[in-house]
């Protein structure tokens, strides 16, 4: 996540910790019934593609909190907080409006561009049909997560292309909706070169049904201990990082209400649709 850092918390330990939480049943390696694993993966990709298209039409609030944790008190000793509304302009283009952003008090690490891009694009992980050829999915089994019956897959990029970021970890797929409801893993590649390190801690993202059809990302938690390499005579140090992202207030955006009718330089009122011109319902 941070520049000049080396992550000590491994992905395997992070995944194990996530599965040890209350609400996780025993992982059963039994294959899915009534469908092959390749067909299940393709079915998931189609559902994820449909969800990605639907999510593009929603506005929501995003609350990002990044903190460094004191080794002595186990409480934050620096914080970056930003509350934004992800909405649309009059032309229908997605925009971000920052509504609250107090002064950044983090001093022991440096936030990078990858940190913010991960919040927008990779922490709310969606695995579409278009993205599937980039990954290897290995079936791990079936598992009860709270009241949900899920299929579990381990996911890894087939190739790390320069300039691109990928997800590596584990995903839980709802057996009824064929859609991702939980992910745990890392964003890769992680930059490990001395003096140029730019890493991110393992994260877990939770999803909820907010429209009765699709599972939307609603909460992400990321945590790990980063070791800063010594440079210019300074001593190396360890920094405990704890981050959360909340995605709330999902609302389907009414694009039609933003259409402006202009005549001779003046806005004209929009007329309601003529119900009499609608085709009769069968």
Protein backbone atom coordinates (compact mmCIF):
# COMPACT_ATOMS: atom_id res chain seq x y z
CA UNK A 1 0.00 0.00 0.00
CA UNK A 2 2.69 2.44 0.97
CA UNK A 3 5.94 3.54 -0.66
CA UNK A 4 9.21 2.08 0.64
CA UNK A 5 7.59 -0.76 2.51
CA UNK A 6 7.86 -4.51 2.87
CA UNK A 7 4.75 -6.45 3.87
CA UNK A 8 5.23 -9.10 6.58
CA UNK A 9 1.66 -10.42 6.82
CA UNK A 10 1.33 -13.16 4.20
CA UNK A 11 -1.69 -13.67 1.98
CA UNK A 12 -2.13 -17.23 3.28
CA UNK A 13 -2.29 -16.05 6.89
CA UNK A 14 -4.77 -13.32 5.94
CA UNK A 15 -7.06 -15.81 4.22
CA UNK A 16 -6.82 -18.22 7.14
CA UNK A 17 -7.71 -15.47 9.60
CA UNK A 18 -10.71 -14.41 7.52
CA UNK A 19 -12.06 -17.96 7.41
CA UNK A 20 -11.61 -18.41 11.15
CA UNK A 21 -14.12 -15.67 11.93
CA UNK A 22 -17.55 -16.41 13.34
CA UNK A 23 -20.04 -17.21 10.59
CA UNK A 24 -17.71 -19.35 8.48
CA UNK A 25 -18.54 -23.04 8.29
CA UNK A 26 -16.19 -25.89 7.46
CA UNK A 27 -14.84 -25.92 3.91
CA UNK A 28 -16.25 -28.94 2.07
CA UNK A 29 -14.19 -29.96 -1.00
CA UNK A 30 -17.23 -31.63 -2.65
CA UNK A 31 -17.76 -30.47 -6.27
CA UNK A 32 -20.88 -28.50 -7.23
CA UNK A 33 -23.98 -30.56 -8.03
CA UNK A 34 -25.63 -30.40 -11.43
CA UNK A 35 -23.01 -28.21 -13.10
CA UNK A 36 -19.38 -28.52 -14.14
CA UNK A 37 -16.80 -26.20 -12.64
CA UNK A 38 -15.97 -24.55 -16.01
CA UNK A 39 -19.67 -23.91 -16.63
CA UNK A 40 -20.03 -22.50 -13.12
CA UNK A 41 -17.15 -20.11 -13.72
CA UNK A 42 -18.65 -18.91 -17.00
CA UNK A 43 -22.05 -18.46 -15.35
CA UNK A 44 -20.43 -16.38 -12.62
CA UNK A 45 -18.66 -14.24 -15.22
CA UNK A 46 -21.95 -13.43 -16.95
CA UNK A 47 -23.59 -12.47 -13.65
CA UNK A 48 -20.61 -10.32 -12.66
CA UNK A 49 -20.69 -8.60 -16.06
CA UNK A 50 -24.39 -7.83 -15.64
CA UNK A 51 -23.69 -6.47 -12.16
CA UNK A 52 -20.80 -4.29 -13.34
CA UNK A 53 -23.08 -2.77 -15.99
CA UNK A 54 -25.82 -2.18 -13.41
CA UNK A 55 -23.43 -0.62 -10.85
CA UNK A 56 -22.36 1.96 -13.43
CA UNK A 57 -25.86 3.42 -13.12
CA UNK A 58 -25.76 3.82 -9.33
CA UNK A 59 -24.53 6.71 -7.24
CA UNK A 60 -23.19 6.05 -3.75
CA UNK A 61 -21.11 7.45 -0.91
CA UNK A 62 -17.55 6.26 -0.34
CA UNK A 63 -15.82 6.72 3.03
CA UNK A 64 -12.08 6.00 3.04
CA UNK A 65 -10.20 5.83 6.34
CA UNK A 66 -6.49 4.98 6.30
CA UNK A 67 -4.65 4.87 9.62
CA UNK A 68 -1.26 4.11 11.10
CA UNK A 69 -1.46 2.27 14.44
CA UNK A 70 0.79 2.99 17.44
CA UNK A 71 2.79 -0.01 18.65
CA UNK A 72 2.41 1.08 22.26
CA UNK A 73 -1.29 2.02 22.43
CA UNK A 74 -2.72 0.01 19.50
CA UNK A 75 -4.64 3.16 18.57
CA UNK A 76 -4.37 5.38 15.47
CA UNK A 77 -1.50 7.88 15.55
CA UNK A 78 -2.19 9.20 12.05
CA UNK A 79 -5.22 9.26 9.82
CA UNK A 80 -6.32 10.03 6.28
CA UNK A 81 -10.08 10.43 5.96
CA UNK A 82 -12.05 11.26 2.82
CA UNK A 83 -15.80 11.11 2.28
CA UNK A 84 -16.90 11.34 -1.36
CA UNK A 85 -20.11 11.07 -3.33
CA UNK A 86 -19.73 9.06 -6.54
CA UNK A 87 -22.39 10.54 -8.78
CA UNK A 88 -22.86 11.93 -12.31
CA UNK A 89 -22.66 15.29 -14.02
CA UNK A 90 -25.30 16.72 -16.36
CA UNK A 91 -23.81 14.81 -19.30
CA UNK A 92 -24.09 11.49 -17.44
CA UNK A 93 -20.34 11.18 -16.80
CA UNK A 94 -19.26 9.57 -13.51
CA UNK A 95 -17.72 12.15 -11.16
CA UNK A 96 -16.44 12.16 -7.57
CA UNK A 97 -17.45 14.97 -5.23
CA UNK A 98 -15.39 15.18 -2.03
CA UNK A 99 -17.75 16.25 0.75
CA UNK A 100 -15.45 15.87 3.78
CA UNK A 101 -11.66 15.69 3.94
CA UNK A 102 -9.91 16.88 7.12
CA UNK A 103 -6.16 17.38 7.15
CA UNK A 104 -4.13 14.24 6.59
CA UNK A 105 -2.22 13.47 9.82
CA UNK A 106 -0.35 10.38 8.60
CA UNK A 107 3.40 10.99 8.93
CA UNK A 108 5.11 7.61 9.03
CA UNK A 109 4.10 6.47 5.54
CA UNK A 110 3.36 8.04 2.17
CA UNK A 111 0.07 7.46 0.39
CA UNK A 112 0.51 6.65 -3.29
CA UNK A 113 -1.63 6.88 -6.40
CA UNK A 114 -2.05 3.10 -6.32
CA UNK A 115 -3.72 3.38 -2.91
CA UNK A 116 -6.54 5.56 -4.21
CA UNK A 117 -6.88 3.64 -7.48
CA UNK A 118 -7.23 0.40 -5.51
CA UNK A 119 -10.08 1.94 -3.48
CA UNK A 120 -11.96 2.86 -6.65
CA UNK A 121 -11.20 -0.09 -8.90
CA UNK A 122 -9.87 -3.16 -7.07
CA UNK A 123 -11.09 -3.32 -3.48
CA UNK A 124 -14.68 -3.58 -4.79
CA UNK A 125 -13.56 -6.59 -6.86
CA UNK A 126 -15.78 -7.69 -9.76
CA UNK A 127 -14.76 -10.66 -11.94
CA UNK A 128 -16.48 -10.23 -15.30
CA UNK A 129 -16.50 -12.47 -18.37
CA UNK A 130 -14.05 -10.06 -20.00
CA UNK A 131 -11.61 -10.39 -17.08
CA UNK A 132 -11.85 -14.17 -16.66
CA UNK A 133 -9.20 -15.01 -19.33
CA UNK A 134 -6.67 -13.02 -17.25
CA UNK A 135 -7.05 -15.31 -14.22
CA UNK A 136 -6.65 -18.91 -13.15
CA UNK A 137 -9.54 -20.04 -10.93
CA UNK A 138 -9.06 -23.14 -8.78
CA UNK A 139 -12.12 -24.65 -7.14
CA UNK A 140 -11.61 -25.03 -3.35
CA UNK A 141 -15.02 -26.34 -2.28
CA UNK A 142 -18.28 -25.29 -0.67
CA UNK A 143 -18.65 -23.29 2.52
CA UNK A 144 -21.40 -21.82 4.65
CA UNK A 145 -20.92 -18.08 5.25
CA UNK A 146 -23.51 -16.86 7.72
CA UNK A 147 -26.80 -17.90 6.06
CA UNK A 148 -25.32 -18.20 2.56
CA UNK A 149 -24.26 -21.39 0.79
CA UNK A 150 -21.20 -20.50 -1.26
CA UNK A 151 -18.71 -21.95 -3.70
CA UNK A 152 -15.08 -21.03 -2.96
CA UNK A 153 -12.43 -20.33 -5.58
CA UNK A 154 -8.75 -19.40 -5.33
CA UNK A 155 -7.94 -16.73 -7.91
CA UNK A 156 -4.55 -15.75 -9.35
CA UNK A 157 -3.51 -13.74 -12.43
CA UNK A 158 -2.12 -15.84 -15.27
CA UNK A 159 0.39 -13.13 -16.17
CA UNK A 160 1.46 -9.86 -14.59
CA UNK A 161 1.38 -7.26 -17.35
CA UNK A 162 3.43 -4.15 -16.68
CA UNK A 163 1.29 -1.18 -15.73
CA UNK A 164 -1.69 -3.29 -14.68
CA UNK A 165 -2.91 -4.36 -11.23
CA UNK A 166 -4.68 -7.63 -10.44
CA UNK A 167 -6.40 -9.43 -7.59
CA UNK A 168 -4.88 -12.54 -6.03
CA UNK A 169 -6.65 -14.43 -3.28
CA UNK A 170 -9.95 -16.16 -2.58
CA UNK A 171 -13.54 -15.41 -3.60
CA UNK A 172 -16.84 -16.75 -2.25
CA UNK A 173 -19.65 -17.18 -4.77
CA UNK A 174 -23.30 -17.32 -3.71
CA UNK A 175 -24.76 -20.61 -4.92
CA UNK A 176 -28.17 -19.13 -5.62
CA UNK A 177 -27.21 -15.90 -7.41
CA UNK A 178 -23.88 -17.02 -8.95
CA UNK A 179 -22.29 -13.78 -7.82
CA UNK A 180 -19.34 -12.87 -5.60
CA UNK A 181 -20.37 -12.09 -2.01
CA UNK A 182 -16.94 -12.00 -0.30
CA UNK A 183 -13.29 -11.64 -1.32
CA UNK A 184 -10.01 -11.89 0.59
CA UNK A 185 -6.60 -11.27 -0.90
CA UNK A 186 -4.03 -8.83 -2.22
CA UNK A 187 -3.64 -6.44 -5.10
CA UNK A 188 -0.65 -7.44 -7.23
CA UNK A 189 2.03 -6.91 -8.37
CA UNK A 190 3.62 -5.53 -5.23
CA UNK A 191 6.66 -3.31 -5.84
CA UNK A 192 9.55 -4.74 -3.77
CA UNK A 193 12.62 -2.96 -5.14
CA UNK A 194 14.62 -1.28 -2.35
CA UNK A 195 13.83 2.41 -2.18
CA UNK A 196 10.88 2.04 -4.58
CA UNK A 197 8.57 -0.24 -2.60
CA UNK A 198 4.84 0.41 -3.08
CA UNK A 199 2.83 -2.30 -1.36
CA UNK A 200 -0.67 -2.78 0.00
CA UNK A 201 -1.91 -4.92 2.90
CA UNK A 202 -4.27 -7.91 2.50
CA UNK A 203 -7.93 -6.93 2.39
CA UNK A 204 -11.38 -8.42 2.80
CA UNK A 205 -14.42 -6.98 1.00
CA UNK A 206 -17.99 -7.81 1.98
CA UNK A 207 -21.01 -7.55 -0.34
CA UNK A 208 -24.73 -7.09 0.30
CA UNK A 209 -27.87 -7.21 -1.79
CA UNK A 210 -29.11 -3.64 -1.91
CA UNK A 211 -31.55 -3.83 -4.83
CA UNK A 212 -32.94 -7.34 -4.40
CA UNK A 213 -30.94 -8.59 -7.40
CA UNK A 214 -27.23 -7.78 -7.32
CA UNK A 215 -24.61 -8.02 -4.57
CA UNK A 216 -22.87 -4.66 -4.09
CA UNK A 217 -19.55 -4.12 -2.25
CA UNK A 218 -20.36 -2.37 1.03
CA UNK A 219 -17.33 -2.70 3.32
CA UNK A 220 -13.60 -3.34 2.98
CA UNK A 221 -11.06 -3.86 5.75
CA UNK A 222 -7.31 -4.04 5.09
CA UNK A 223 -4.62 -4.56 7.70
CA UNK A 224 -0.95 -5.45 7.86
CA UNK A 225 2.47 -4.54 9.29
CA UNK A 226 4.86 -2.81 6.89
CA UNK A 227 8.65 -2.66 7.32
CA UNK A 228 10.34 0.45 5.94
CA UNK A 229 13.81 -0.14 4.56
CA UNK A 230 16.61 2.06 5.85
CA UNK A 231 17.73 4.89 3.55
CA UNK A 232 20.01 7.92 3.79
CA UNK A 233 21.27 6.81 7.19
CA UNK A 234 17.81 6.46 8.72
CA UNK A 235 16.81 3.40 10.74
CA UNK A 236 14.31 0.91 9.39
CA UNK A 237 10.95 0.81 11.17
CA UNK A 238 7.75 -1.22 11.26
CA UNK A 239 4.40 0.47 10.75
CA UNK A 240 1.05 -1.12 11.50
CA UNK A 241 -1.56 -0.14 8.87
CA UNK A 242 -5.34 -0.45 9.29
CA UNK A 243 -7.69 0.78 6.56
CA UNK A 244 -11.43 0.66 5.99
CA UNK A 245 -13.63 1.65 3.07
CA UNK A 246 -17.42 1.93 3.29
CA UNK A 247 -19.67 2.05 0.22
CA UNK A 248 -23.10 3.28 1.31
CA UNK A 249 -26.32 4.98 0.14
CA UNK A 250 -26.55 3.17 -3.18
CA UNK A 251 -29.23 4.80 -5.34
CA UNK A 252 -30.10 4.21 -8.96
CA UNK A 253 -29.40 7.43 -10.81
CA UNK A 254 -32.19 9.02 -12.85
CA UNK A 255 -30.35 10.02 -16.01
CA UNK A 256 -33.54 11.35 -17.63
CA UNK A 257 -33.97 13.97 -14.92
CA UNK A 258 -30.62 15.47 -15.94
CA UNK A 259 -31.58 15.98 -19.60
CA UNK A 260 -31.89 19.68 -20.45
CA UNK A 261 -34.15 20.94 -23.24
CA UNK A 262 -32.94 24.32 -24.52
CA UNK A 263 -34.69 26.65 -27.01
CA UNK A 264 -33.39 30.12 -27.86
CA UNK A 265 -30.95 29.86 -24.95
CA UNK A 266 -33.64 29.06 -22.37
CA UNK A 267 -34.35 25.82 -20.50
CA UNK A 268 -37.70 24.27 -21.37
CA UNK A 269 -39.67 22.22 -18.84
CA UNK A 270 -39.65 18.48 -19.51
CA UNK A 271 -43.00 17.05 -20.47
CA UNK A 272 -44.15 13.78 -18.91
CA UNK A 273 -44.40 10.81 -21.22
CA UNK A 274 -47.72 10.50 -23.03
CA UNK A 275 -49.21 7.43 -21.41
CA UNK A 276 -51.76 7.16 -24.19
CA UNK A 277 -49.02 6.44 -26.69
CA UNK A 278 -47.76 3.40 -24.78
CA UNK A 279 -48.40 -0.02 -26.26
CA UNK A 280 -51.20 -1.87 -24.48
CA UNK A 281 -49.99 -4.35 -21.89
CA UNK A 282 -50.69 -7.99 -22.58
